[in-house]
Amino acid sequence: MKEKQSKKRIASVPLVFIGSLFIGACMGGWMARTNPDGADTSWLFLAAEFLFLAVSAYLQIILHEAGHLAAGLLSGYRFVSFRIGNSMVQREGERLHYRRLHLPGTGGQCLMDPPMQGEILPFRLYNLGGILMNLLTAAAAIVGAVFVRNPYGHAFLQMFALMGILFALSNGIPMKTALISNDGYNVYALGRDAAALRAFRLQMHIHALQAQGIRPKDMPAAWFAFPDEAGLANAMTAAIGVFAEGRAMDQHDFETAKTYIAALLDAPGTHGLYKNLLTLDRIYIDLLEQGDAADVSALEDKKMRAFCRQMRFFPSVIRTQYAAAVLHAHDDAAAQKLLLQFEKSLRSYPSSADAALERELVALAAQRSDS
């Protein structure tokens, strides 16, 4: 089963690459044929085109997430947060707050709280909203380029259309990478599995409650039922297992958390992002239980070190590094530096529920080091 899923994931990547090359070639031909007569071909114009490409990519990320937002509102979802890059606007109560979050593999994200009533969840429009927005704005740019004869304005519209089509393609062709699934894959997976659709609804709702400061341990236990073997093979239902592990950590039930971690790390449906975070949770628990004798070699793994650098402001990453510093390396200087980094990360972290848990876990590591 793992081998088949791996082949599907690997096969989708060249499909997107080949499709992007084809679209790029078509757009290049269109650009060459539609450039205004006497178009500027200087180095300044070439530099401007590269700038237009970068600006267009950034704008299309914003429009993609705005598409999810508009589609979600039309489908009865409630706004939770809107993130571009590391910057996030989040609803907390009835007010909006600025937060910061970095997730590898994502240029942005729009999270919404789905309607919890009714058997049928409208998921297609919400998931496809970003793709539709990219396509609509690309089409508008193509039409506009027909009428704009200024070479710079014409070039910008061309680049904007190109990026819109490429974004729609890369998000629309179903693809599951090592870290995350794209919109097309989510629609494909949710449309085939009622259990996955229920899991999707629960995940979105739990995220919304956490943004309001409600901790998993205070939510209904039934929401966190650990998936069976079949459920662990599906990315959506396996994610509920990750949430269940997080709830066990929130309850300081580390034995249950270890059991869940072992199953999830071996599960084909668990995303790479989750697997890395689960590995760090396992190391943290081992440090609490074994201290100096704990095996922390995974922290020195090349891929894990790269992941930790990417997620260096993620509280659970810093928490485990702090535990390793005080319980294994006994490096007070490194521990103090990590504490400062930890506190800085929490100032603008979007989940006050997670922040409360991470403070408890850091304090627990400090207590164990003193005993």
Protein backbone atom coordinates (compact mmCIF):
# COMPACT_ATOMS: atom_id res chain seq x y z
CA MET A 1 0.00 0.00 0.00
CA LYS A 2 2.79 2.45 0.93
CA GLU A 3 4.58 1.74 -2.33
CA LYS A 4 1.44 2.41 -4.41
CA GLN A 5 0.75 5.68 -2.61
CA SER A 6 4.37 6.74 -3.01
CA LYS A 7 4.19 6.07 -6.75
CA LYS A 8 1.01 8.15 -7.03
CA ARG A 9 2.63 11.03 -5.18
CA ILE A 10 5.80 10.88 -7.26
CA ALA A 11 3.85 10.57 -10.51
CA SER A 12 1.83 13.71 -9.82
CA VAL A 13 4.92 15.92 -9.47
CA PRO A 14 6.25 15.44 -13.03
CA LEU A 15 2.68 15.84 -14.30
CA VAL A 16 2.54 19.32 -12.79
CA PHE A 17 6.07 20.06 -14.07
CA ILE A 18 5.26 18.95 -17.63
CA GLY A 19 1.96 20.81 -17.55
CA SER A 20 3.71 23.96 -16.33
CA LEU A 21 6.27 23.71 -19.13
CA PHE A 22 3.49 23.31 -21.68
CA ILE A 23 1.53 26.28 -20.33
CA GLY A 24 4.73 28.32 -20.15
CA ALA A 25 5.57 27.50 -23.77
CA CYS A 26 2.06 28.45 -24.91
CA MET A 27 2.18 31.69 -22.94
CA GLY A 28 5.63 32.45 -24.32
CA GLY A 29 4.35 32.02 -27.86
CA TRP A 30 1.37 34.22 -27.09
CA MET A 31 3.63 36.90 -25.59
CA ALA A 32 5.87 36.88 -28.63
CA ARG A 33 2.90 37.19 -31.02
CA THR A 34 1.05 39.88 -29.08
CA ASN A 35 3.88 42.19 -28.01
CA PRO A 36 3.23 45.75 -29.21
CA ASP A 37 5.11 46.82 -32.30
CA GLY A 38 8.44 48.34 -31.39
CA ALA A 39 8.38 46.80 -27.91
CA ASP A 40 11.33 47.66 -25.71
CA THR A 41 13.96 44.89 -25.65
CA SER A 42 16.53 46.68 -23.46
CA TRP A 43 18.05 45.27 -20.29
CA LEU A 44 15.87 47.67 -18.31
CA PHE A 45 12.76 46.17 -19.90
CA LEU A 46 14.03 42.64 -19.19
CA ALA A 47 14.63 43.56 -15.54
CA ALA A 48 11.12 45.01 -15.40
CA GLU A 49 9.69 41.74 -16.70
CA PHE A 50 11.41 39.80 -13.90
CA LEU A 51 10.01 42.30 -11.39
CA PHE A 52 6.55 41.93 -12.91
CA LEU A 53 6.86 38.15 -12.61
CA ALA A 54 7.70 38.36 -8.88
CA VAL A 55 4.94 40.89 -8.19
CA SER A 56 2.45 38.81 -10.15
CA ALA A 57 3.32 35.69 -8.16
CA TYR A 58 2.77 37.53 -4.89
CA LEU A 59 -0.53 39.00 -6.09
CA GLN A 60 -1.75 35.63 -7.28
CA ILE A 61 -1.03 34.12 -3.85
CA ILE A 62 -3.19 36.83 -2.27
CA LEU A 63 -5.92 36.33 -4.87
CA HIS A 64 -5.77 32.55 -4.43
CA GLU A 65 -6.44 32.83 -0.71
CA ALA A 66 -9.06 35.53 -1.32
CA GLY A 67 -10.77 33.05 -3.63
CA HIS A 68 -10.96 30.53 -0.79
CA LEU A 69 -12.35 33.25 1.47
CA ALA A 70 -15.05 34.34 -0.98
CA ALA A 71 -15.99 30.75 -1.82
CA GLY A 72 -16.13 29.84 1.87
CA LEU A 73 -18.40 32.75 2.73
CA LEU A 74 -20.69 31.81 -0.16
CA SER A 75 -20.78 28.22 1.18
CA GLY A 76 -21.78 29.21 4.72
CA TYR A 77 -18.32 29.05 6.33
CA ARG A 78 -17.22 31.59 8.93
CA PHE A 79 -13.91 33.45 8.68
CA VAL A 80 -11.11 32.30 11.02
CA SER A 81 -7.80 33.52 9.57
CA PHE A 82 -6.11 34.78 6.42
CA ARG A 83 -2.36 34.30 6.00
CA ILE A 84 0.09 35.42 3.30
CA GLY A 85 3.65 34.26 3.88
CA ASN A 86 4.26 34.58 7.63
CA SER A 87 1.72 37.36 8.22
CA MET A 88 -1.76 36.45 9.40
CA VAL A 89 -4.98 38.24 10.28
CA GLN A 90 -7.10 36.15 12.67
CA ARG A 91 -10.56 36.54 14.14
CA GLU A 92 -10.56 36.18 17.91
CA GLY A 93 -14.02 36.76 19.34
CA GLU A 94 -15.43 39.55 17.24
CA ARG A 95 -12.11 41.33 16.69
CA LEU A 96 -9.29 40.84 14.21
CA HIS A 97 -5.71 40.44 15.43
CA TYR A 98 -2.36 40.34 13.67
CA ARG A 99 -0.46 37.07 14.13
CA ARG A 100 2.56 35.34 12.57
CA LEU A 101 2.95 31.74 11.41
CA HIS A 102 5.24 29.99 8.94
CA LEU A 103 4.29 26.64 7.42
CA PRO A 104 6.76 25.10 4.93
CA GLY A 105 5.29 24.38 1.52
CA THR A 106 2.57 27.03 1.75
CA GLY A 107 2.62 30.59 0.44
CA GLY A 108 -0.57 31.40 2.28
CA GLN A 109 -3.67 29.92 3.85
CA CYS A 110 -7.27 30.90 4.48
CA LEU A 111 -8.88 28.97 7.34
CA MET A 112 -12.61 29.01 7.91
CA ASP A 113 -15.08 27.38 10.27
CA PRO A 114 -17.45 25.15 8.29
CA PRO A 115 -21.17 24.88 9.02
CA MET A 116 -21.53 22.11 11.62
CA GLN A 117 -25.24 21.49 11.03
CA GLY A 118 -26.56 19.23 8.29
CA GLU A 119 -25.36 15.99 6.77
CA ILE A 120 -23.97 17.53 3.60
CA LEU A 121 -20.88 19.76 3.83
CA PRO A 122 -20.23 22.08 0.86
CA PHE A 123 -16.53 21.45 0.36
CA ARG A 124 -15.90 21.69 -3.39
CA LEU A 125 -16.42 25.42 -3.86
CA TYR A 126 -14.38 26.29 -0.77
CA ASN A 127 -11.44 24.12 -1.83
CA LEU A 128 -11.60 25.20 -5.48
CA GLY A 129 -12.19 28.88 -4.76
CA GLY A 130 -8.50 29.79 -5.00
CA ILE A 131 -8.06 28.01 -8.33
CA LEU A 132 -11.14 29.70 -9.77
CA MET A 133 -9.88 33.10 -8.65
CA ASN A 134 -6.48 32.49 -10.28
CA LEU A 135 -8.16 31.46 -13.54
CA LEU A 136 -10.63 34.36 -13.56
CA THR A 137 -7.95 36.98 -12.93
CA ALA A 138 -5.64 35.37 -15.51
CA ALA A 139 -8.45 35.50 -18.08
CA ALA A 140 -9.10 39.15 -17.26
CA ALA A 141 -5.39 39.92 -17.70
CA ILE A 142 -5.32 38.16 -21.09
CA VAL A 143 -8.28 40.24 -22.28
CA GLY A 144 -6.67 43.40 -20.90
CA ALA A 145 -3.39 42.66 -22.67
CA VAL A 146 -5.22 42.72 -26.01
CA PHE A 147 -6.11 46.37 -25.51
CA VAL A 148 -3.08 47.71 -23.59
CA ARG A 149 -0.40 48.79 -26.05
CA ASN A 150 2.07 50.30 -23.58
CA PRO A 151 4.92 47.75 -23.56
CA TYR A 152 5.35 47.81 -19.77
CA GLY A 153 1.65 47.55 -19.04
CA HIS A 154 1.33 44.83 -21.66
CA ALA A 155 4.25 42.87 -20.17
CA PHE A 156 2.82 43.11 -16.66
CA LEU A 157 -0.55 41.75 -17.78
CA GLN A 158 1.19 38.91 -19.59
CA MET A 159 3.19 37.94 -16.51
CA PHE A 160 0.12 38.25 -14.32
CA ALA A 161 -1.85 35.93 -16.61
CA LEU A 162 1.04 33.45 -16.75
CA MET A 163 1.32 33.24 -12.97
CA GLY A 164 -2.44 32.90 -12.58
CA ILE A 165 -2.52 29.93 -14.92
CA LEU A 166 0.51 28.30 -13.31
CA PHE A 167 -0.99 28.72 -9.82
CA ALA A 168 -4.26 27.22 -10.99
CA LEU A 169 -2.40 24.31 -12.56
CA SER A 170 -0.15 23.57 -9.57
CA ASN A 171 -3.07 23.74 -7.15
CA GLY A 172 -5.67 22.12 -9.38
CA ILE A 173 -3.89 18.97 -10.53
CA PRO A 174 -4.32 16.56 -7.57
CA MET A 175 -0.94 16.30 -5.87
CA LYS A 176 0.24 15.05 -2.47
CA THR A 177 3.81 16.04 -1.69
CA ALA A 178 5.95 14.88 1.21
CA LEU A 179 4.69 17.74 3.40
CA ILE A 180 1.22 18.71 2.23
CA SER A 181 -1.67 18.06 -0.18
CA ASN A 182 -2.90 20.65 -2.67
CA ASP A 183 -6.47 21.82 -3.27
CA GLY A 184 -7.09 19.47 -6.16
CA TYR A 185 -6.02 16.46 -4.12
CA ASN A 186 -8.25 17.55 -1.22
CA VAL A 187 -11.30 17.76 -3.48
CA TYR A 188 -10.45 14.38 -5.01
CA ALA A 189 -9.98 12.72 -1.60
CA LEU A 190 -13.01 14.31 0.06
CA GLY A 191 -15.32 13.43 -2.80
CA ARG A 192 -14.47 9.73 -2.53
CA ASP A 193 -14.67 9.16 1.22
CA ALA A 194 -17.44 10.19 3.62
CA ALA A 195 -15.16 9.56 6.62
CA ALA A 196 -12.54 11.91 5.15
CA LEU A 197 -15.21 14.57 4.68
CA ARG A 198 -16.28 14.26 8.32
CA ALA A 199 -12.62 14.50 9.35
CA PHE A 200 -12.16 17.62 7.21
CA ARG A 201 -15.13 19.30 8.88
CA LEU A 202 -13.83 18.40 12.35
CA GLN A 203 -10.30 19.62 11.63
CA MET A 204 -11.54 22.99 10.42
CA HIS A 205 -13.83 23.39 13.43
CA ILE A 206 -11.14 22.38 15.93
CA HIS A 207 -8.75 24.92 14.37
CA ALA A 208 -11.43 27.59 14.73
CA LEU A 209 -11.99 26.77 18.41
CA GLN A 210 -8.25 26.76 19.12
CA ALA A 211 -8.02 30.22 17.59
CA GLN A 212 -10.55 31.29 20.23
CA GLY A 213 -8.36 29.88 23.01
CA ILE A 214 -10.25 26.62 23.61
CA ARG A 215 -7.87 23.76 24.32
CA PRO A 216 -8.31 20.25 22.87
CA LYS A 217 -8.58 18.74 26.36
CA ASP A 218 -11.70 20.87 26.87
CA MET A 219 -13.35 19.74 23.63
CA PRO A 220 -15.56 16.63 23.29
CA ALA A 221 -13.49 13.42 23.42
CA ALA A 222 -15.60 11.95 20.60
CA TRP A 223 -14.03 14.42 18.16
CA PHE A 224 -10.62 12.84 18.78
CA ALA A 225 -11.38 9.17 18.22
CA PHE A 226 -8.14 7.61 16.96
CA PRO A 227 -8.50 6.20 13.41
CA ASP A 228 -8.31 2.50 12.63
CA GLU A 229 -5.80 1.06 10.15
CA ALA A 230 -7.92 2.06 7.14
CA GLY A 231 -8.32 5.57 8.53
CA LEU A 232 -4.58 5.94 8.98
CA ALA A 233 -4.11 5.31 5.26
CA ASN A 234 -6.10 8.45 4.38
CA ALA A 235 -4.52 11.88 4.87
CA MET A 236 -7.72 13.53 6.12
CA THR A 237 -8.67 10.86 8.65
CA ALA A 238 -5.06 10.33 9.72
CA ALA A 239 -4.97 14.03 10.63
CA ILE A 240 -7.63 13.33 13.28
CA GLY A 241 -5.10 10.92 14.78
CA VAL A 242 -2.61 13.78 14.93
CA PHE A 243 -5.22 15.90 16.70
CA ALA A 244 -5.83 13.00 19.12
CA GLU A 245 -2.11 12.88 19.89
CA GLY A 246 -2.17 16.63 20.49
CA ARG A 247 -5.09 16.20 22.90
CA ALA A 248 -3.17 13.50 24.80
CA MET A 249 -0.21 15.91 25.08
CA ASP A 250 -2.63 18.60 26.31
CA GLN A 251 -3.81 16.19 29.04
CA HIS A 252 -0.18 15.28 29.87
CA ASP A 253 -1.13 11.69 29.05
CA PHE A 254 2.26 10.88 27.60
CA GLU A 255 1.80 7.11 27.46
CA THR A 256 -1.22 7.49 25.19
CA ALA A 257 0.61 10.12 23.16
CA LYS A 258 3.53 7.70 22.60
CA THR A 259 1.14 4.98 21.42
CA TYR A 260 -0.48 7.38 18.95
CA ILE A 261 2.88 8.67 17.74
CA ALA A 262 4.13 5.17 16.97
CA ALA A 263 1.04 4.41 14.89
CA LEU A 264 1.06 7.76 13.09
CA LEU A 265 4.75 7.67 12.18
CA ASP A 266 4.16 4.32 10.50
CA ALA A 267 0.91 5.41 8.81
CA PRO A 268 0.94 6.09 5.04
CA GLY A 269 -1.65 8.86 5.43
CA THR A 270 0.35 11.03 7.84
CA HIS A 271 1.84 14.08 6.11
CA GLY A 272 5.55 14.74 6.40
CA LEU A 273 4.96 17.99 8.29
CA TYR A 274 3.03 16.09 10.94
CA LYS A 275 5.60 13.27 11.06
CA ASN A 276 8.38 15.73 11.84
CA LEU A 277 6.34 17.37 14.62
CA LEU A 278 5.34 13.97 16.01
CA THR A 279 8.98 12.89 16.05
CA LEU A 280 9.81 15.98 18.10
CA ASP A 281 6.98 15.16 20.53
CA ARG A 282 8.37 11.63 20.93
CA ILE A 283 11.84 13.00 21.68
CA TYR A 284 10.34 15.39 24.24
CA ILE A 285 8.52 12.56 26.03
CA ASP A 286 11.66 10.40 26.00
CA LEU A 287 13.62 13.27 27.54
CA LEU A 288 11.06 13.64 30.33
CA GLU A 289 11.18 9.92 31.07
CA GLN A 290 14.85 9.11 30.48
CA GLY A 291 16.78 12.35 30.79
CA ASP A 292 20.44 11.79 29.87
CA ALA A 293 19.69 8.32 28.53
CA ALA A 294 17.13 9.55 25.98
CA ASP A 295 17.98 9.02 22.32
CA VAL A 296 18.05 12.48 20.73
CA SER A 297 20.00 11.47 17.62
CA ALA A 298 16.98 12.31 15.43
CA LEU A 299 17.60 15.98 16.24
CA GLU A 300 20.95 15.71 14.43
CA ASP A 301 19.46 14.13 11.32
CA LYS A 302 20.13 16.36 8.31
CA LYS A 303 16.48 16.56 7.24
CA MET A 304 15.28 17.17 10.78
CA ARG A 305 17.82 19.95 11.29
CA ALA A 306 16.63 21.59 8.07
CA PHE A 307 13.03 21.24 9.25
CA CYS A 308 13.82 22.78 12.62
CA ARG A 309 15.52 25.71 10.88
CA GLN A 310 12.41 26.25 8.76
CA MET A 311 10.19 25.99 11.85
CA ARG A 312 12.53 27.83 14.20
CA PHE A 313 9.71 30.05 15.51
CA PHE A 314 7.27 27.17 16.02
CA PRO A 315 6.71 26.76 19.80
CA SER A 316 6.66 22.93 19.89
CA VAL A 317 9.96 22.80 17.98
CA ILE A 318 11.64 25.20 20.42
CA ARG A 319 10.06 23.35 23.38
CA THR A 320 11.72 20.07 22.37
CA GLN A 321 15.05 21.77 21.71
CA TYR A 322 14.82 23.39 25.15
CA ALA A 323 14.08 20.03 26.77
CA ALA A 324 17.13 18.55 25.03
CA ALA A 325 19.27 21.42 26.27
CA VAL A 326 18.24 21.14 29.95
CA LEU A 327 17.64 17.38 30.27
CA HIS A 328 20.28 15.92 27.95
CA ALA A 329 23.03 18.42 27.15
CA HIS A 330 22.72 20.30 30.47
CA ASP A 331 23.62 23.46 28.56
CA ASP A 332 22.20 26.37 30.55
CA ALA A 333 23.38 29.01 28.07
CA ALA A 334 21.66 27.27 25.16
CA ALA A 335 18.55 26.72 27.29
CA GLN A 336 18.28 30.41 28.18
CA LYS A 337 18.72 31.40 24.55
CA LEU A 338 15.95 28.99 23.55
CA LEU A 339 13.67 30.35 26.28
CA LEU A 340 14.04 33.85 24.85
CA GLN A 341 13.28 32.51 21.37
CA PHE A 342 10.30 30.60 22.78
CA GLU A 343 8.79 33.67 24.42
CA LYS A 344 9.33 35.71 21.27
CA SER A 345 7.54 33.07 19.17
CA LEU A 346 4.49 33.14 21.45
CA ARG A 347 3.96 36.91 21.21
CA SER A 348 2.30 36.64 17.82
CA TYR A 349 1.50 32.90 17.66
CA PRO A 350 -2.05 32.39 16.36
CA SER A 351 -3.25 29.69 18.80
CA SER A 352 -3.49 30.81 22.42
CA ALA A 353 -4.63 27.26 23.25
CA ASP A 354 -1.40 25.79 21.87
CA ALA A 355 0.61 28.55 23.55
CA ALA A 356 -0.82 27.63 26.97
CA LEU A 357 0.08 23.95 26.44
CA GLU A 358 3.60 24.73 25.27
CA ARG A 359 4.25 26.93 28.31
CA GLU A 360 3.21 24.01 30.51
CA LEU A 361 5.50 21.58 28.67
CA VAL A 362 8.49 23.93 28.88
CA ALA A 363 7.83 24.39 32.61
CA LEU A 364 7.59 20.62 33.07
CA ALA A 365 10.98 20.12 31.38
CA ALA A 366 12.47 22.79 33.64
CA GLN A 367 11.02 21.07 36.74
CA ARG A 368 12.46 17.70 35.67
CA SER A 369 15.89 19.26 35.19
CA ASP A 370 15.79 20.65 38.75
CA SER A 371 14.73 17.36 40.35
